[in-house]
Amino acid sequence: MNHIAIVGAGIGGLSAALALATAGFKITVFEQAKKIGEVGAGLQMSPNAMKVLRQFGLEDKLRPYAFVPQHACMRDFKTGEYYLKSPLGKTSEARYSAPYWHLHRADLHKVLILACEDLGVEVLLDASVERYAENGDQVTLTLADKSEHSADLLIGADGIRSVIREQMLGKESPTFMKQVAWRGVIPASELNDVHIQPDACVWVGPNRHFVTYYLRGGELVNFVAVEEREDWHQESWREEGDVEELKTAFAGWHPEVSQLLDHAKSTFLWALNGRDELPAWHQGRVVLLGDACHPMLPFMAQGAAMAIEDAYALSQLLVKYSVLDALDRYELLRKPRATNIQKMSKDNAALYHMHGGAFGRMKLNAVKIASRLSPRIIQAKLDPVYGYDITKVLI
């Protein structure tokens, strides 16, 4: 096997392209967008993801774009009380053998693209894949312009609305998780009257939460505001949001939140969707990766990290085993971990949104007591996520 086709030039698709090109495979990436570029938003790159990016040789290239948060925090939406304040920075790096960084998605995307180009990866833009067909040891892609392209293996890294997943497993719309996310970035230079802590902070409140953290060495403040809703009327999964509606939704919150939003000039609104655990991640010479097979709510900040781990694991398995054996091993290795983190992310929604009224506050107070009296309880939850090193897993 020599030629691999990847559908989707997002973080997962480009990570797979880089890993596989490094291993010596010829790679063609098919991207439906007419130009490379992603909506500006932040990513929390936890140590488990950074271990892979380090293995790719990208740590030093990404360092100029990074912001190092000092704590992971959970604070009350009105009083600002800390339910959790766990050290990150040097403490986290020493514990997990890799840094915890905040990166702008566009910066990570740019560095991945350049690394792929250096290795001769072909990225075809305005290349919308409509279907595929397997013919023996070849997979043929048919694009919207009716052109056809063949490869030895097809990787579907085309997100939660994956056309590859749909053909493999049947048409099924993703499930709206009854939550929407407002996202945006604000230049720190415009926030002279607002002091945002240099942390990865979750502000928890009834039926909604708000996340703040810095990007690009502190040049930007990224925010994510999640609100529960019963339905999603728009056809698009993402649209430009109404800043005034956002401010109204979080009116009365702590000044650090409300004053930050006073400076927001634009925002995008996402529907948070999910899927049940898929019965299979691969079929024949076609395999899924990232959100195409395990979309997750962003409440563990592990969506991009899981796709990056997938990419590394798949590349190493394809080097060591025959195609079909490698795909079986990939699903066996990755599915339990991704499914577990999907569940952890979903469970965090109830905690962040104070579900259960007084009982919800009791759970938050239990987190506060645990974090102060025995930090090991919090670490025990995070160690399996952040301490995991796919580059050292026996594959």
Protein backbone atom coordinates (compact mmCIF):
# COMPACT_ATOMS: atom_id res chain seq x y z
CA MET A 1 0.00 0.00 0.00
CA ASN A 2 1.34 3.42 -0.93
CA HIS A 3 -1.35 6.01 -1.67
CA ILE A 4 -3.80 7.20 1.00
CA ALA A 5 -6.70 9.60 0.43
CA ILE A 6 -7.96 11.74 3.31
CA VAL A 7 -11.29 13.56 3.17
CA GLY A 8 -11.19 16.72 5.29
CA ALA A 9 -8.37 19.20 5.91
CA GLY A 10 -9.24 20.03 9.50
CA ILE A 11 -7.03 19.38 12.50
CA GLY A 12 -7.65 15.63 12.41
CA GLY A 13 -7.22 15.24 8.66
CA LEU A 14 -4.00 17.26 8.54
CA SER A 15 -2.60 15.45 11.58
CA ALA A 16 -3.24 12.15 9.82
CA ALA A 17 -1.70 13.48 6.61
CA LEU A 18 1.44 14.61 8.46
CA ALA A 19 1.80 11.37 10.43
CA LEU A 20 1.32 9.19 7.35
CA ALA A 21 3.55 11.30 5.10
CA THR A 22 6.27 11.12 7.74
CA ALA A 23 5.91 7.33 7.61
CA GLY A 24 6.51 7.41 3.86
CA PHE A 25 3.01 7.18 2.40
CA LYS A 26 1.83 9.28 -0.54
CA ILE A 27 -1.03 11.45 0.73
CA THR A 28 -3.81 13.35 -1.04
CA VAL A 29 -6.19 15.44 1.06
CA PHE A 30 -9.59 16.40 -0.37
CA GLU A 31 -11.10 19.53 1.16
CA GLN A 32 -14.47 20.93 0.08
CA ALA A 33 -13.63 24.52 1.06
CA LYS A 34 -12.39 26.77 -1.73
CA LYS A 35 -9.60 28.18 0.41
CA ILE A 36 -7.76 27.14 3.54
CA GLY A 37 -8.96 28.92 6.62
CA GLU A 38 -10.99 28.22 9.74
CA VAL A 39 -13.29 30.27 11.92
CA GLY A 40 -11.18 31.86 14.61
CA ALA A 41 -11.51 30.12 17.94
CA GLY A 42 -9.31 28.80 20.69
CA LEU A 43 -8.15 25.28 21.40
CA GLN A 44 -6.94 23.86 24.70
CA MET A 45 -4.05 21.58 23.81
CA SER A 46 -3.68 19.31 26.82
CA PRO A 47 -0.50 17.29 27.48
CA ASN A 48 -1.82 14.13 25.79
CA ALA A 49 -2.20 16.06 22.51
CA MET A 50 1.07 17.95 22.95
CA LYS A 51 2.96 14.65 23.20
CA VAL A 52 1.85 13.85 19.66
CA LEU A 53 2.57 17.34 18.32
CA ARG A 54 6.02 17.05 19.90
CA GLN A 55 6.50 13.71 18.14
CA PHE A 56 5.56 15.46 14.89
CA GLY A 57 8.35 17.99 15.55
CA LEU A 58 5.90 20.89 15.89
CA GLU A 59 6.37 21.94 19.52
CA ASP A 60 8.99 24.60 18.79
CA LYS A 61 7.06 25.84 15.75
CA LEU A 62 3.92 26.27 17.83
CA ARG A 63 5.61 27.80 20.87
CA PRO A 64 5.50 31.41 19.56
CA TYR A 65 1.71 31.12 19.23
CA ALA A 66 1.05 29.51 22.60
CA PHE A 67 -0.29 30.82 25.88
CA VAL A 68 0.50 28.84 29.04
CA PRO A 69 -2.43 28.95 31.50
CA GLN A 70 -1.53 28.92 35.17
CA HIS A 71 -4.61 27.17 36.56
CA ALA A 72 -7.69 25.23 35.57
CA CYS A 73 -10.54 26.96 37.39
CA MET A 74 -14.23 26.51 38.06
CA ARG A 75 -15.94 29.62 39.43
CA ASP A 76 -19.44 30.63 40.46
CA PHE A 77 -21.28 32.66 37.83
CA LYS A 78 -22.36 35.39 40.26
CA THR A 79 -20.02 35.51 43.26
CA GLY A 80 -16.81 34.45 41.52
CA GLU A 81 -16.19 31.89 44.26
CA TYR A 82 -13.70 29.20 43.25
CA TYR A 83 -15.08 25.65 43.26
CA LEU A 84 -11.82 24.43 41.73
CA LYS A 85 -8.38 25.94 41.19
CA SER A 86 -5.94 23.30 40.00
CA PRO A 87 -2.38 24.23 38.94
CA LEU A 88 -1.35 24.03 35.30
CA GLY A 89 1.79 25.73 33.97
CA LYS A 90 5.06 24.21 35.16
CA THR A 91 3.27 22.02 37.72
CA SER A 92 1.15 20.33 35.07
CA GLU A 93 4.09 19.98 32.67
CA ALA A 94 6.17 18.26 35.34
CA ARG A 95 3.34 15.88 36.18
CA TYR A 96 2.37 14.94 32.63
CA SER A 97 5.73 15.36 30.83
CA ALA A 98 4.30 17.83 28.31
CA PRO A 99 2.89 21.37 28.43
CA TYR A 100 -0.73 22.48 28.55
CA TRP A 101 -1.10 25.20 25.93
CA HIS A 102 -3.82 27.40 24.55
CA LEU A 103 -3.59 27.81 20.78
CA HIS A 104 -5.63 29.63 18.20
CA ARG A 105 -7.13 27.03 15.89
CA ALA A 106 -5.94 28.98 12.86
CA ASP A 107 -2.35 28.95 14.15
CA LEU A 108 -2.30 25.19 14.68
CA HIS A 109 -3.95 24.72 11.29
CA LYS A 110 -1.33 26.89 9.58
CA VAL A 111 1.59 25.04 11.18
CA LEU A 112 0.09 21.67 10.20
CA ILE A 113 -0.46 22.81 6.59
CA LEU A 114 3.13 24.02 6.25
CA ALA A 115 4.50 20.79 7.75
CA CYS A 116 2.37 18.75 5.33
CA GLU A 117 3.55 20.81 2.36
CA ASP A 118 7.18 20.25 3.38
CA LEU A 119 6.56 16.51 3.09
CA GLY A 120 4.87 16.72 -0.29
CA VAL A 121 1.28 16.19 0.85
CA GLU A 122 -1.14 17.18 -1.90
CA VAL A 123 -4.09 19.23 -0.62
CA LEU A 124 -6.90 19.67 -3.16
CA LEU A 125 -9.28 22.54 -2.43
CA ASP A 126 -12.84 22.92 -3.73
CA ALA A 127 -12.82 19.12 -3.83
CA SER A 128 -16.16 18.01 -2.46
CA VAL A 129 -16.41 14.21 -2.23
CA GLU A 130 -19.84 12.80 -3.07
CA ARG A 131 -19.25 9.06 -2.76
CA TYR A 132 -16.71 6.29 -2.86
CA ALA A 133 -16.54 2.78 -4.28
CA GLU A 134 -14.28 -0.11 -3.34
CA ASN A 135 -12.78 -2.15 -6.15
CA GLY A 136 -10.60 -4.91 -4.77
CA ASP A 137 -7.58 -3.27 -3.18
CA GLN A 138 -8.51 0.22 -4.42
CA VAL A 139 -10.99 2.88 -3.27
CA THR A 140 -12.29 5.31 -5.90
CA LEU A 141 -13.63 8.72 -4.88
CA THR A 142 -16.14 10.59 -7.00
CA LEU A 143 -16.13 14.35 -6.52
CA ALA A 144 -18.90 16.86 -7.11
CA ASP A 145 -17.29 17.85 -10.41
CA LYS A 146 -17.58 14.14 -11.42
CA SER A 147 -13.82 13.63 -11.44
CA GLU A 148 -12.56 10.36 -9.99
CA HIS A 149 -9.52 9.66 -7.83
CA SER A 150 -8.21 6.30 -6.60
CA ALA A 151 -6.18 5.33 -3.55
CA ASP A 152 -5.24 2.25 -1.57
CA LEU A 153 -7.01 3.49 1.57
CA LEU A 154 -9.60 6.16 2.36
CA ILE A 155 -9.70 8.06 5.67
CA GLY A 156 -12.86 9.99 6.48
CA ALA A 157 -11.83 12.96 8.63
CA ASP A 158 -14.73 15.10 7.45
CA GLY A 159 -16.38 15.92 10.75
CA ILE A 160 -19.67 15.17 12.44
CA ARG A 161 -21.58 15.44 9.14
CA SER A 162 -19.18 13.08 7.41
CA VAL A 163 -20.25 11.95 3.95
CA ILE A 164 -17.89 9.00 4.36
CA ARG A 165 -19.60 7.90 7.57
CA GLU A 166 -22.99 8.33 5.93
CA GLN A 167 -22.15 6.03 3.04
CA MET A 168 -20.48 3.51 5.33
CA LEU A 169 -23.17 3.30 8.01
CA GLY A 170 -26.27 4.88 6.49
CA LYS A 171 -27.89 8.29 6.56
CA GLU A 172 -28.57 9.51 10.09
CA SER A 173 -28.68 13.10 11.25
CA PRO A 174 -26.59 14.02 14.29
CA THR A 175 -28.45 14.52 17.55
CA PHE A 176 -28.89 18.10 18.74
CA MET A 177 -27.66 18.02 22.34
CA LYS A 178 -29.99 20.88 23.36
CA GLN A 179 -27.08 23.24 23.81
CA VAL A 180 -25.54 26.00 21.72
CA ALA A 181 -22.12 27.60 21.99
CA TRP A 182 -21.28 31.22 21.33
CA ARG A 183 -17.59 31.66 20.48
CA GLY A 184 -15.40 34.66 19.91
CA VAL A 185 -12.06 36.34 20.49
CA ILE A 186 -11.33 39.84 21.77
CA PRO A 187 -7.95 41.64 21.55
CA ALA A 188 -6.52 41.99 25.06
CA SER A 189 -5.43 45.53 24.14
CA GLU A 190 -9.12 46.52 24.15
CA LEU A 191 -9.65 45.24 27.69
CA ASN A 192 -7.77 47.84 29.73
CA ASP A 193 -10.65 48.09 32.21
CA VAL A 194 -11.14 44.31 32.51
CA HIS A 195 -8.79 41.92 34.26
CA ILE A 196 -9.04 38.38 32.93
CA GLN A 197 -7.13 35.84 34.99
CA PRO A 198 -4.39 33.93 33.10
CA ASP A 199 -6.25 30.66 33.58
CA ALA A 200 -8.44 28.16 31.78
CA CYS A 201 -11.59 29.23 33.58
CA VAL A 202 -15.11 27.78 33.52
CA TRP A 203 -17.78 30.01 35.03
CA VAL A 204 -20.65 27.73 36.06
CA GLY A 205 -24.26 28.84 36.32
CA PRO A 206 -27.86 27.63 36.02
CA ASN A 207 -28.39 26.04 32.60
CA ARG A 208 -25.32 27.67 31.08
CA HIS A 209 -21.58 28.22 31.51
CA PHE A 210 -18.89 30.55 30.24
CA VAL A 211 -15.25 29.76 29.44
CA THR A 212 -12.38 32.26 29.20
CA TYR A 213 -8.72 31.87 28.34
CA TYR A 214 -5.89 33.72 26.56
CA LEU A 215 -4.40 32.99 23.14
CA ARG A 216 -1.24 34.02 21.25
CA GLY A 217 0.88 34.75 24.28
CA GLY A 218 -1.85 36.88 25.78
CA GLU A 219 -2.74 38.98 22.72
CA LEU A 220 -6.29 37.63 22.56
CA VAL A 221 -8.95 36.50 24.99
CA ASN A 222 -11.03 33.59 23.78
CA PHE A 223 -14.54 33.01 25.12
CA VAL A 224 -17.02 30.18 24.78
CA ALA A 225 -20.52 30.70 26.15
CA VAL A 226 -22.77 27.64 26.29
CA GLU A 227 -26.52 27.94 26.74
CA GLU A 228 -29.18 25.24 26.95
CA ARG A 229 -31.90 25.37 24.30
CA GLU A 230 -34.71 23.03 23.37
CA ASP A 231 -34.31 23.30 19.62
CA TRP A 232 -32.20 24.62 16.76
CA HIS A 233 -34.25 26.21 13.98
CA GLN A 234 -31.46 27.27 11.65
CA GLU A 235 -30.41 25.04 8.76
CA SER A 236 -26.73 25.75 9.32
CA TRP A 237 -24.89 24.11 12.23
CA ARG A 238 -23.00 27.39 12.65
CA GLU A 239 -24.03 30.99 12.03
CA GLU A 240 -23.02 34.50 12.91
CA GLY A 241 -24.47 35.25 16.32
CA ASP A 242 -26.21 38.31 17.73
CA VAL A 243 -23.85 39.87 20.29
CA GLU A 244 -26.71 41.64 22.06
CA GLU A 245 -28.57 38.34 22.45
CA LEU A 246 -25.40 36.83 23.92
CA LYS A 247 -25.04 39.68 26.42
CA THR A 248 -28.67 39.28 27.45
CA ALA A 249 -28.25 35.54 27.98
CA PHE A 250 -25.40 36.19 30.44
CA ALA A 251 -26.70 39.38 32.03
CA GLY A 252 -26.14 39.57 35.78
CA TRP A 253 -23.06 37.36 35.72
CA HIS A 254 -19.83 38.22 37.51
CA PRO A 255 -18.20 41.48 36.28
CA GLU A 256 -15.27 39.58 34.80
CA VAL A 257 -17.78 37.95 32.43
CA SER A 258 -20.17 40.82 31.80
CA GLN A 259 -17.42 43.40 31.31
CA LEU A 260 -15.60 41.10 28.89
CA LEU A 261 -18.80 40.72 26.86
CA ASP A 262 -19.21 44.50 26.80
CA HIS A 263 -16.17 44.49 24.49
CA ALA A 264 -17.40 41.70 22.21
CA LYS A 265 -18.11 42.96 18.70
CA SER A 266 -18.85 39.69 16.94
CA THR A 267 -19.53 36.05 17.72
CA PHE A 268 -20.39 32.81 16.03
CA LEU A 269 -23.12 30.50 17.27
CA TRP A 270 -22.72 26.71 17.06
CA ALA A 271 -25.28 24.00 17.59
CA LEU A 272 -23.68 21.34 19.80
CA ASN A 273 -24.44 18.00 18.18
CA GLY A 274 -23.47 14.45 18.97
CA ARG A 275 -23.91 10.84 17.95
CA ASP A 276 -24.39 7.59 19.76
CA GLU A 277 -21.44 5.22 19.76
CA LEU A 278 -21.01 3.95 16.21
CA PRO A 279 -21.24 0.20 15.56
CA ALA A 280 -18.02 0.35 13.52
CA TRP A 281 -15.29 2.82 12.61
CA HIS A 282 -14.14 1.07 9.44
CA GLN A 283 -15.37 -1.05 6.58
CA GLY A 284 -13.14 -2.61 3.97
CA ARG A 285 -10.45 -0.09 3.07
CA VAL A 286 -12.35 2.89 4.49
CA VAL A 287 -11.87 4.21 8.03
CA LEU A 288 -13.13 7.15 10.10
CA LEU A 289 -11.18 9.52 12.33
CA GLY A 290 -11.97 12.32 14.79
CA ASP A 291 -15.45 13.85 14.84
CA ALA A 292 -16.49 11.62 11.95
CA CYS A 293 -16.59 8.70 14.38
CA HIS A 294 -16.63 10.15 17.91
CA PRO A 295 -17.97 13.74 18.11
CA MET A 296 -18.05 15.00 21.66
CA LEU A 297 -19.30 17.93 23.65
CA PRO A 298 -16.50 20.41 24.37
CA PHE A 299 -16.72 20.06 28.16
CA MET A 300 -13.42 18.19 28.50
CA ALA A 301 -11.72 20.25 25.74
CA GLN A 302 -10.65 16.98 24.10
CA GLY A 303 -12.22 17.02 20.62
CA ALA A 304 -9.09 18.09 18.73
CA ALA A 305 -6.85 16.11 21.09
CA MET A 306 -8.71 12.86 20.35
CA ALA A 307 -8.42 13.44 16.59
CA ILE A 308 -4.67 14.06 16.95
CA GLU A 309 -4.28 10.87 18.98
CA ASP A 310 -6.32 8.97 16.34
CA ALA A 311 -4.04 10.23 13.60
CA TYR A 312 -0.87 9.07 15.32
CA ALA A 313 -2.27 5.67 16.26
CA LEU A 314 -3.59 4.98 12.76
CA SER A 315 -0.31 5.95 11.13
CA GLN A 316 1.76 3.67 13.34
CA LEU A 317 -0.58 0.73 12.88
CA LEU A 318 -0.56 1.09 9.11
CA VAL A 319 3.23 0.96 9.17
CA LYS A 320 3.31 -2.25 11.20
CA TYR A 321 0.37 -4.28 9.91
CA SER A 322 -1.60 -5.10 6.77
CA VAL A 323 -4.39 -2.65 6.00
CA LEU A 324 -7.32 -4.67 7.31
CA ASP A 325 -5.46 -5.83 10.40
CA ALA A 326 -4.33 -2.26 11.12
CA LEU A 327 -7.90 -0.94 10.89
CA ASP A 328 -9.17 -3.62 13.27
CA ARG A 329 -6.43 -2.79 15.76
CA TYR A 330 -7.07 0.96 15.39
CA GLU A 331 -10.72 0.63 16.34
CA LEU A 332 -9.92 -1.77 19.18
CA LEU A 333 -7.33 0.66 20.57
CA ARG A 334 -9.08 3.97 20.08
CA LYS A 335 -12.80 3.31 20.52
CA PRO A 336 -12.84 2.62 24.28
CA ARG A 337 -10.78 5.74 25.07
CA ALA A 338 -12.79 8.05 22.80
CA THR A 339 -16.11 6.67 24.06
CA ASN A 340 -15.07 7.16 27.68
CA ILE A 341 -14.06 10.77 27.10
CA GLN A 342 -17.31 11.38 25.22
CA LYS A 343 -19.13 10.26 28.37
CA MET A 344 -16.95 12.40 30.65
CA SER A 345 -17.66 15.43 28.47
CA LYS A 346 -21.40 14.81 28.56
CA ASP A 347 -21.39 14.32 32.34
CA ASN A 348 -19.62 17.64 32.85
CA ALA A 349 -22.58 19.47 31.29
CA ALA A 350 -24.74 18.65 34.33
CA LEU A 351 -22.04 19.90 36.70
CA TYR A 352 -21.30 23.10 34.78
CA HIS A 353 -25.02 23.94 34.51
CA MET A 354 -25.93 23.27 38.14
CA HIS A 355 -28.53 20.67 37.25
CA GLY A 356 -30.59 19.56 40.21
CA GLY A 357 -30.88 22.93 41.92
CA ALA A 358 -29.62 22.61 45.49
CA PHE A 359 -28.26 19.14 44.69
CA GLY A 360 -26.27 20.63 41.82
CA ARG A 361 -24.71 23.15 44.17
CA MET A 362 -23.94 20.36 46.62
CA LYS A 363 -21.96 18.58 43.90
CA LEU A 364 -20.01 21.75 43.16
CA ASN A 365 -19.26 22.24 46.84
CA ALA A 366 -18.07 18.64 46.98
CA VAL A 367 -15.68 19.46 44.14
CA LYS A 368 -14.46 22.50 46.09
CA ILE A 369 -13.85 20.49 49.26
CA ALA A 370 -12.11 17.72 47.35
CA SER A 371 -9.85 20.11 45.45
CA ARG A 372 -8.76 21.85 48.66
CA LEU A 373 -8.44 18.90 51.01
CA SER A 374 -7.19 16.26 48.60
CA PRO A 375 -6.00 17.47 45.19
CA ARG A 376 -5.27 13.85 44.34
CA ILE A 377 -9.00 13.27 43.87
CA ILE A 378 -9.04 15.80 41.03
CA GLN A 379 -5.78 14.47 39.63
CA ALA A 380 -7.18 10.95 39.64
CA LYS A 381 -9.85 12.11 37.20
CA LEU A 382 -7.45 13.97 34.94
CA ASP A 383 -4.47 11.62 35.02
CA PRO A 384 -5.97 9.05 32.62
CA VAL A 385 -6.75 11.86 30.15
CA TYR A 386 -3.70 14.13 30.35
CA GLY A 387 -1.20 11.47 31.39
CA TYR A 388 -1.99 9.23 28.44
CA ASP A 389 0.79 9.01 25.85
CA ILE A 390 -0.27 7.42 22.58
CA THR A 391 3.32 7.69 21.33
CA LYS A 392 4.36 5.15 23.97
CA VAL A 393 1.37 2.83 23.82
CA LEU A 394 2.30 -0.67 22.69
CA ILE A 395 0.69 -0.76 19.24
